[in-house]
Amino acid sequence: MTNRTFASGKRALALCDRCGQEYKLKTLRELTINENKTNLLVCPECWEPDHPQNKLGRVKVLDPQALRDPRPDAAELVESRNIQWGWNPVGVNNPYELPGITEDFKATASLGTVTVTTS
């Protein structure tokens, strides 16, 4: 194995591989994508850390979304709300057939007048 020595590069200049601007060689950083080195040297403005989304599937994450054996909220089973909602096409929705739920919907409408003048 040969012993290689390199110059210190104190005054060496290089171009950013992304934007093309000239920088000191020591300020350029290697770009890593998906944990693979790309052999691209980029300036501090162009450099970005490897995005965590590129590492999906490498770490097991348990993020359950659904509940086992869910139950409706108890407040919905008793007359505790003054809000009425319903469809079919319009009306009170009482799927549990609870007593005391009445339909208090009142619809109002009005029509204005339009005058059309032709000449």
N, C-alpha and C. Protein backbone atom coordinates (compact mmCIF):
# COMPACT_ATOMS: atom_id res chain seq x y z
N MET A 1 0.85 -1.17 0.00
CA MET A 1 0.00 0.00 0.00
C MET A 1 0.89 1.23 0.00
N THR A 2 0.58 2.13 -0.88
CA THR A 2 1.40 3.33 -0.98
C THR A 2 0.85 4.40 -0.05
N ASN A 3 1.73 5.20 0.46
CA ASN A 3 1.36 6.28 1.34
C ASN A 3 1.13 7.52 0.49
N ARG A 4 -0.11 8.00 0.48
CA ARG A 4 -0.42 9.18 -0.32
C ARG A 4 -0.51 10.39 0.59
N THR A 5 0.06 11.44 0.15
CA THR A 5 -0.07 12.70 0.87
C THR A 5 -0.69 13.72 -0.07
N PHE A 6 -1.50 14.55 0.48
CA PHE A 6 -2.19 15.56 -0.30
C PHE A 6 -1.84 16.93 0.25
N ALA A 7 -2.01 17.92 -0.57
CA ALA A 7 -1.78 19.31 -0.15
C ALA A 7 -2.87 19.70 0.85
N SER A 8 -2.58 20.69 1.68
CA SER A 8 -3.54 21.09 2.70
C SER A 8 -4.77 21.74 2.10
N GLY A 9 -4.64 22.42 0.99
CA GLY A 9 -5.79 23.02 0.33
C GLY A 9 -6.33 24.25 1.04
N LYS A 10 -5.45 24.97 1.75
CA LYS A 10 -5.91 26.15 2.47
C LYS A 10 -6.52 27.19 1.55
N ARG A 11 -5.98 27.31 0.35
CA ARG A 11 -6.45 28.34 -0.58
C ARG A 11 -7.12 27.76 -1.81
N ALA A 12 -7.40 26.47 -1.78
CA ALA A 12 -7.98 25.81 -2.95
C ALA A 12 -9.43 26.25 -3.14
N LEU A 13 -9.79 26.50 -4.39
CA LEU A 13 -11.15 26.88 -4.73
C LEU A 13 -11.80 25.74 -5.50
N ALA A 14 -13.12 25.67 -5.39
CA ALA A 14 -13.87 24.64 -6.10
C ALA A 14 -15.25 25.19 -6.42
N LEU A 15 -15.93 24.54 -7.36
CA LEU A 15 -17.28 24.93 -7.74
C LEU A 15 -18.27 24.00 -7.07
N CYS A 16 -19.35 24.60 -6.62
CA CYS A 16 -20.45 23.79 -6.06
C CYS A 16 -21.05 22.98 -7.20
N ASP A 17 -21.25 21.67 -6.97
CA ASP A 17 -21.78 20.80 -8.01
C ASP A 17 -23.27 21.04 -8.27
N ARG A 18 -23.94 21.77 -7.41
CA ARG A 18 -25.36 22.02 -7.60
C ARG A 18 -25.63 23.39 -8.22
N CYS A 19 -25.06 24.45 -7.64
CA CYS A 19 -25.37 25.80 -8.14
C CYS A 19 -24.26 26.39 -9.01
N GLY A 20 -23.05 25.84 -8.96
CA GLY A 20 -21.96 26.30 -9.80
C GLY A 20 -21.20 27.49 -9.27
N GLN A 21 -21.50 27.96 -8.08
CA GLN A 21 -20.79 29.09 -7.49
C GLN A 21 -19.42 28.63 -6.98
N GLU A 22 -18.50 29.56 -6.92
CA GLU A 22 -17.14 29.26 -6.48
C GLU A 22 -17.04 29.45 -4.96
N TYR A 23 -16.47 28.48 -4.28
CA TYR A 23 -16.28 28.49 -2.83
C TYR A 23 -14.91 27.93 -2.51
N LYS A 24 -14.47 28.12 -1.28
CA LYS A 24 -13.28 27.43 -0.82
C LYS A 24 -13.60 25.94 -0.73
N LEU A 25 -12.65 25.13 -1.11
CA LEU A 25 -12.87 23.69 -1.15
C LEU A 25 -13.25 23.14 0.21
N LYS A 26 -12.68 23.71 1.27
CA LYS A 26 -12.95 23.19 2.61
C LYS A 26 -14.37 23.48 3.08
N THR A 27 -15.06 24.45 2.44
CA THR A 27 -16.43 24.76 2.88
C THR A 27 -17.47 23.87 2.20
N LEU A 28 -17.09 23.18 1.13
CA LEU A 28 -18.04 22.31 0.45
C LEU A 28 -18.23 21.01 1.23
N ARG A 29 -19.49 20.52 1.19
CA ARG A 29 -19.83 19.29 1.92
C ARG A 29 -20.37 18.26 0.94
N GLU A 30 -20.16 17.00 1.30
CA GLU A 30 -20.64 15.92 0.43
C GLU A 30 -22.14 15.73 0.64
N LEU A 31 -22.86 15.56 -0.45
CA LEU A 31 -24.30 15.37 -0.42
C LEU A 31 -24.61 13.88 -0.28
N THR A 32 -25.52 13.56 0.65
CA THR A 32 -25.94 12.18 0.89
C THR A 32 -27.43 12.07 0.61
N ILE A 33 -27.82 11.11 -0.21
CA ILE A 33 -29.23 10.88 -0.51
C ILE A 33 -29.54 9.42 -0.24
N ASN A 34 -30.54 9.20 0.57
CA ASN A 34 -30.98 7.85 0.92
C ASN A 34 -29.83 7.03 1.51
N GLU A 35 -29.06 7.67 2.36
CA GLU A 35 -27.90 7.11 3.05
C GLU A 35 -26.80 6.65 2.08
N ASN A 36 -26.81 7.14 0.85
CA ASN A 36 -25.77 6.83 -0.12
C ASN A 36 -25.00 8.10 -0.45
N LYS A 37 -23.70 8.02 -0.40
CA LYS A 37 -22.88 9.17 -0.77
C LYS A 37 -22.95 9.35 -2.27
N THR A 38 -23.15 10.60 -2.72
CA THR A 38 -23.33 10.87 -4.13
C THR A 38 -22.06 11.35 -4.81
N ASN A 39 -21.02 11.61 -4.05
CA ASN A 39 -19.76 12.14 -4.57
C ASN A 39 -19.94 13.54 -5.15
N LEU A 40 -20.99 14.24 -4.71
CA LEU A 40 -21.22 15.63 -5.09
C LEU A 40 -20.80 16.51 -3.93
N LEU A 41 -20.03 17.54 -4.23
CA LEU A 41 -19.65 18.52 -3.21
C LEU A 41 -20.50 19.76 -3.43
N VAL A 42 -21.23 20.17 -2.40
CA VAL A 42 -22.14 21.31 -2.53
C VAL A 42 -21.82 22.35 -1.46
N CYS A 43 -22.21 23.58 -1.76
CA CYS A 43 -21.96 24.69 -0.84
C CYS A 43 -22.91 24.62 0.35
N PRO A 44 -22.66 25.42 1.40
CA PRO A 44 -23.55 25.40 2.56
C PRO A 44 -24.99 25.77 2.23
N GLU A 45 -25.20 26.62 1.22
CA GLU A 45 -26.57 27.00 0.86
C GLU A 45 -27.31 25.87 0.15
N CYS A 46 -26.60 25.07 -0.61
CA CYS A 46 -27.22 23.97 -1.36
C CYS A 46 -27.28 22.68 -0.55
N TRP A 47 -26.47 22.56 0.48
CA TRP A 47 -26.43 21.32 1.24
C TRP A 47 -27.71 21.14 2.03
N GLU A 48 -28.20 19.93 2.10
CA GLU A 48 -29.37 19.60 2.90
C GLU A 48 -29.14 18.22 3.51
N PRO A 49 -29.62 18.04 4.73
CA PRO A 49 -29.44 16.71 5.35
C PRO A 49 -30.30 15.67 4.63
N ASP A 50 -29.94 14.44 4.79
CA ASP A 50 -30.71 13.35 4.19
C ASP A 50 -32.11 13.36 4.78
N HIS A 51 -33.11 13.37 3.93
CA HIS A 51 -34.49 13.49 4.41
C HIS A 51 -34.92 12.21 5.11
N PRO A 52 -35.58 12.32 6.27
CA PRO A 52 -36.00 11.12 7.01
C PRO A 52 -36.98 10.25 6.25
N GLN A 53 -37.73 10.82 5.33
CA GLN A 53 -38.69 10.03 4.58
C GLN A 53 -38.00 9.03 3.65
N ASN A 54 -36.74 9.28 3.33
CA ASN A 54 -35.99 8.32 2.52
C ASN A 54 -35.68 7.05 3.30
N LYS A 55 -35.85 7.08 4.60
CA LYS A 55 -35.50 5.93 5.44
C LYS A 55 -36.72 5.11 5.83
N LEU A 56 -37.84 5.32 5.15
CA LEU A 56 -39.05 4.57 5.48
C LEU A 56 -38.83 3.09 5.24
N GLY A 57 -39.33 2.27 6.12
CA GLY A 57 -39.21 0.83 5.98
C GLY A 57 -37.96 0.26 6.62
N ARG A 58 -37.01 1.08 6.98
CA ARG A 58 -35.79 0.57 7.60
C ARG A 58 -35.93 0.43 9.10
N VAL A 59 -36.81 1.24 9.68
CA VAL A 59 -37.05 1.17 11.12
C VAL A 59 -38.51 0.80 11.32
N LYS A 60 -38.75 -0.22 12.12
CA LYS A 60 -40.12 -0.65 12.36
C LYS A 60 -40.81 0.35 13.28
N VAL A 61 -41.94 0.86 12.81
CA VAL A 61 -42.69 1.86 13.57
C VAL A 61 -44.09 1.32 13.78
N LEU A 62 -44.52 1.29 15.02
CA LEU A 62 -45.88 0.89 15.33
C LEU A 62 -46.70 2.15 15.53
N ASP A 63 -47.65 2.38 14.64
CA ASP A 63 -48.48 3.57 14.72
C ASP A 63 -49.93 3.16 14.47
N PRO A 64 -50.56 2.49 15.46
CA PRO A 64 -51.93 2.02 15.24
C PRO A 64 -52.90 3.19 15.10
N GLN A 65 -53.86 3.04 14.21
CA GLN A 65 -54.82 4.10 13.94
C GLN A 65 -56.22 3.76 14.45
N ALA A 66 -56.61 2.51 14.42
CA ALA A 66 -57.97 2.14 14.76
C ALA A 66 -58.04 1.55 16.17
N LEU A 67 -59.22 1.63 16.76
CA LEU A 67 -59.47 1.05 18.07
C LEU A 67 -60.12 -0.32 17.90
N ARG A 68 -59.80 -1.22 18.79
CA ARG A 68 -60.45 -2.52 18.79
C ARG A 68 -61.76 -2.40 19.57
N ASP A 69 -62.84 -2.88 19.01
CA ASP A 69 -64.17 -2.85 19.61
C ASP A 69 -64.57 -1.45 20.07
N PRO A 70 -64.66 -0.49 19.17
CA PRO A 70 -65.04 0.87 19.59
C PRO A 70 -66.50 0.94 20.01
N ARG A 71 -66.83 1.89 20.82
CA ARG A 71 -68.19 2.13 21.28
C ARG A 71 -68.52 3.59 21.03
N PRO A 72 -69.81 3.89 20.76
CA PRO A 72 -70.17 5.29 20.55
C PRO A 72 -70.05 6.09 21.84
N ASP A 73 -69.90 7.37 21.69
CA ASP A 73 -69.81 8.26 22.84
C ASP A 73 -71.12 8.22 23.62
N ALA A 74 -71.03 8.10 24.93
CA ALA A 74 -72.23 8.02 25.76
C ALA A 74 -73.08 9.28 25.66
N ALA A 75 -72.48 10.42 25.38
CA ALA A 75 -73.24 11.66 25.27
C ALA A 75 -74.18 11.62 24.07
N GLU A 76 -73.89 10.82 23.07
CA GLU A 76 -74.76 10.73 21.92
C GLU A 76 -75.98 9.85 22.19
N LEU A 77 -75.92 9.03 23.22
CA LEU A 77 -77.02 8.12 23.50
C LEU A 77 -78.10 8.76 24.37
N VAL A 78 -77.80 9.85 25.01
CA VAL A 78 -78.78 10.54 25.84
C VAL A 78 -79.08 11.89 25.22
N GLU A 79 -80.17 12.50 25.66
CA GLU A 79 -80.55 13.79 25.11
C GLU A 79 -79.71 14.87 25.78
N SER A 80 -78.52 15.07 25.30
CA SER A 80 -77.61 16.04 25.89
C SER A 80 -77.22 17.14 24.92
N ARG A 81 -77.71 17.06 23.69
CA ARG A 81 -77.34 18.06 22.71
C ARG A 81 -78.58 18.79 22.25
N ASN A 82 -78.43 20.05 21.97
CA ASN A 82 -79.51 20.83 21.41
C ASN A 82 -79.38 20.97 19.91
N ILE A 83 -78.38 20.31 19.34
CA ILE A 83 -78.14 20.39 17.91
C ILE A 83 -78.86 19.23 17.25
N GLN A 84 -79.66 19.55 16.25
CA GLN A 84 -80.32 18.50 15.50
C GLN A 84 -79.64 18.37 14.16
N TRP A 85 -79.49 17.18 13.72
CA TRP A 85 -78.87 16.92 12.44
C TRP A 85 -79.62 15.79 11.80
N GLY A 86 -79.59 15.73 10.53
CA GLY A 86 -80.27 14.63 9.88
C GLY A 86 -80.33 14.81 8.38
N TRP A 87 -80.60 13.69 7.72
CA TRP A 87 -80.71 13.64 6.28
C TRP A 87 -81.85 12.70 5.95
N ASN A 88 -82.02 12.40 4.76
CA ASN A 88 -82.99 11.44 4.25
C ASN A 88 -84.32 12.09 3.96
N PRO A 89 -84.48 12.97 3.12
CA PRO A 89 -83.52 13.97 2.68
C PRO A 89 -83.30 15.04 3.74
N VAL A 90 -84.33 15.40 4.52
CA VAL A 90 -84.14 16.35 5.61
C VAL A 90 -84.99 15.86 6.76
N GLY A 91 -84.44 15.92 7.95
CA GLY A 91 -85.22 15.50 9.12
C GLY A 91 -84.32 15.05 10.23
N VAL A 92 -84.94 14.63 11.31
CA VAL A 92 -84.19 14.20 12.48
C VAL A 92 -83.68 12.79 12.25
N ASN A 93 -82.45 12.59 12.58
CA ASN A 93 -81.85 11.27 12.47
C ASN A 93 -81.80 10.68 13.87
N ASN A 94 -82.58 9.66 14.13
CA ASN A 94 -82.63 9.02 15.44
C ASN A 94 -82.39 7.53 15.24
N PRO A 95 -81.13 7.12 14.97
CA PRO A 95 -80.89 5.71 14.66
C PRO A 95 -81.14 4.78 15.84
N TYR A 96 -81.06 5.29 17.06
CA TYR A 96 -81.28 4.45 18.24
C TYR A 96 -82.72 4.50 18.73
N GLU A 97 -83.56 5.27 18.01
CA GLU A 97 -84.98 5.43 18.35
C GLU A 97 -85.14 5.84 19.81
N LEU A 98 -84.39 6.84 20.21
CA LEU A 98 -84.45 7.34 21.58
C LEU A 98 -85.69 8.19 21.77
N PRO A 99 -86.37 8.05 22.91
CA PRO A 99 -87.56 8.89 23.15
C PRO A 99 -87.15 10.33 23.48
N GLY A 100 -88.03 11.25 23.20
CA GLY A 100 -87.80 12.64 23.57
C GLY A 100 -87.08 13.45 22.51
N ILE A 101 -86.71 12.84 21.41
CA ILE A 101 -86.05 13.60 20.36
C ILE A 101 -87.13 14.01 19.37
N THR A 102 -87.34 15.28 19.27
CA THR A 102 -88.39 15.79 18.41
C THR A 102 -87.78 16.58 17.26
N GLU A 103 -88.58 16.76 16.24
CA GLU A 103 -88.10 17.50 15.08
C GLU A 103 -88.50 18.96 15.24
N ASP A 104 -87.52 19.80 15.41
CA ASP A 104 -87.77 21.22 15.57
C ASP A 104 -87.26 22.04 14.39
N PHE A 105 -87.08 21.39 13.26
CA PHE A 105 -86.59 22.12 12.10
C PHE A 105 -87.68 23.05 11.60
N LYS A 106 -87.31 24.26 11.32
CA LYS A 106 -88.22 25.22 10.74
C LYS A 106 -87.51 25.83 9.53
N ALA A 107 -88.15 25.72 8.42
CA ALA A 107 -87.56 26.26 7.20
C ALA A 107 -88.27 27.55 6.83
N THR A 108 -87.53 28.54 6.47
CA THR A 108 -88.09 29.80 6.00
C THR A 108 -87.48 30.12 4.66
N ALA A 109 -88.28 30.72 3.81
CA ALA A 109 -87.80 31.11 2.50
C ALA A 109 -88.56 32.36 2.06
N SER A 110 -87.95 33.10 1.17
CA SER A 110 -88.63 34.27 0.63
C SER A 110 -88.17 34.47 -0.79
N LEU A 111 -89.06 35.05 -1.57
CA LEU A 111 -88.75 35.37 -2.95
C LEU A 111 -88.87 36.87 -3.12
N GLY A 112 -87.98 37.41 -3.84
CA GLY A 112 -88.05 38.83 -4.12
C GLY A 112 -88.75 39.06 -5.45
N THR A 113 -88.78 40.29 -5.86
CA THR A 113 -89.39 40.62 -7.14
C THR A 113 -88.31 41.08 -8.09
N VAL A 114 -88.52 40.78 -9.35
CA VAL A 114 -87.58 41.18 -10.37
C VAL A 114 -88.35 41.99 -11.41
N THR A 115 -87.81 43.12 -11.74
CA THR A 115 -88.42 43.95 -12.79
C THR A 115 -87.51 43.91 -14.01
N VAL A 116 -88.09 43.51 -15.14
CA VAL A 116 -87.33 43.44 -16.37
C VAL A 116 -87.88 44.49 -17.30
N THR A 117 -87.03 45.36 -17.79
CA THR A 117 -87.43 46.40 -18.73
C THR A 117 -86.69 46.17 -20.02
N THR A 118 -87.43 46.07 -21.09
CA THR A 118 -86.80 45.92 -22.40
C THR A 118 -87.15 47.14 -23.26
N SER A 119 -86.28 47.46 -24.14
CA SER A 119 -86.56 48.61 -25.00
C SER A 119 -86.43 48.24 -26.44
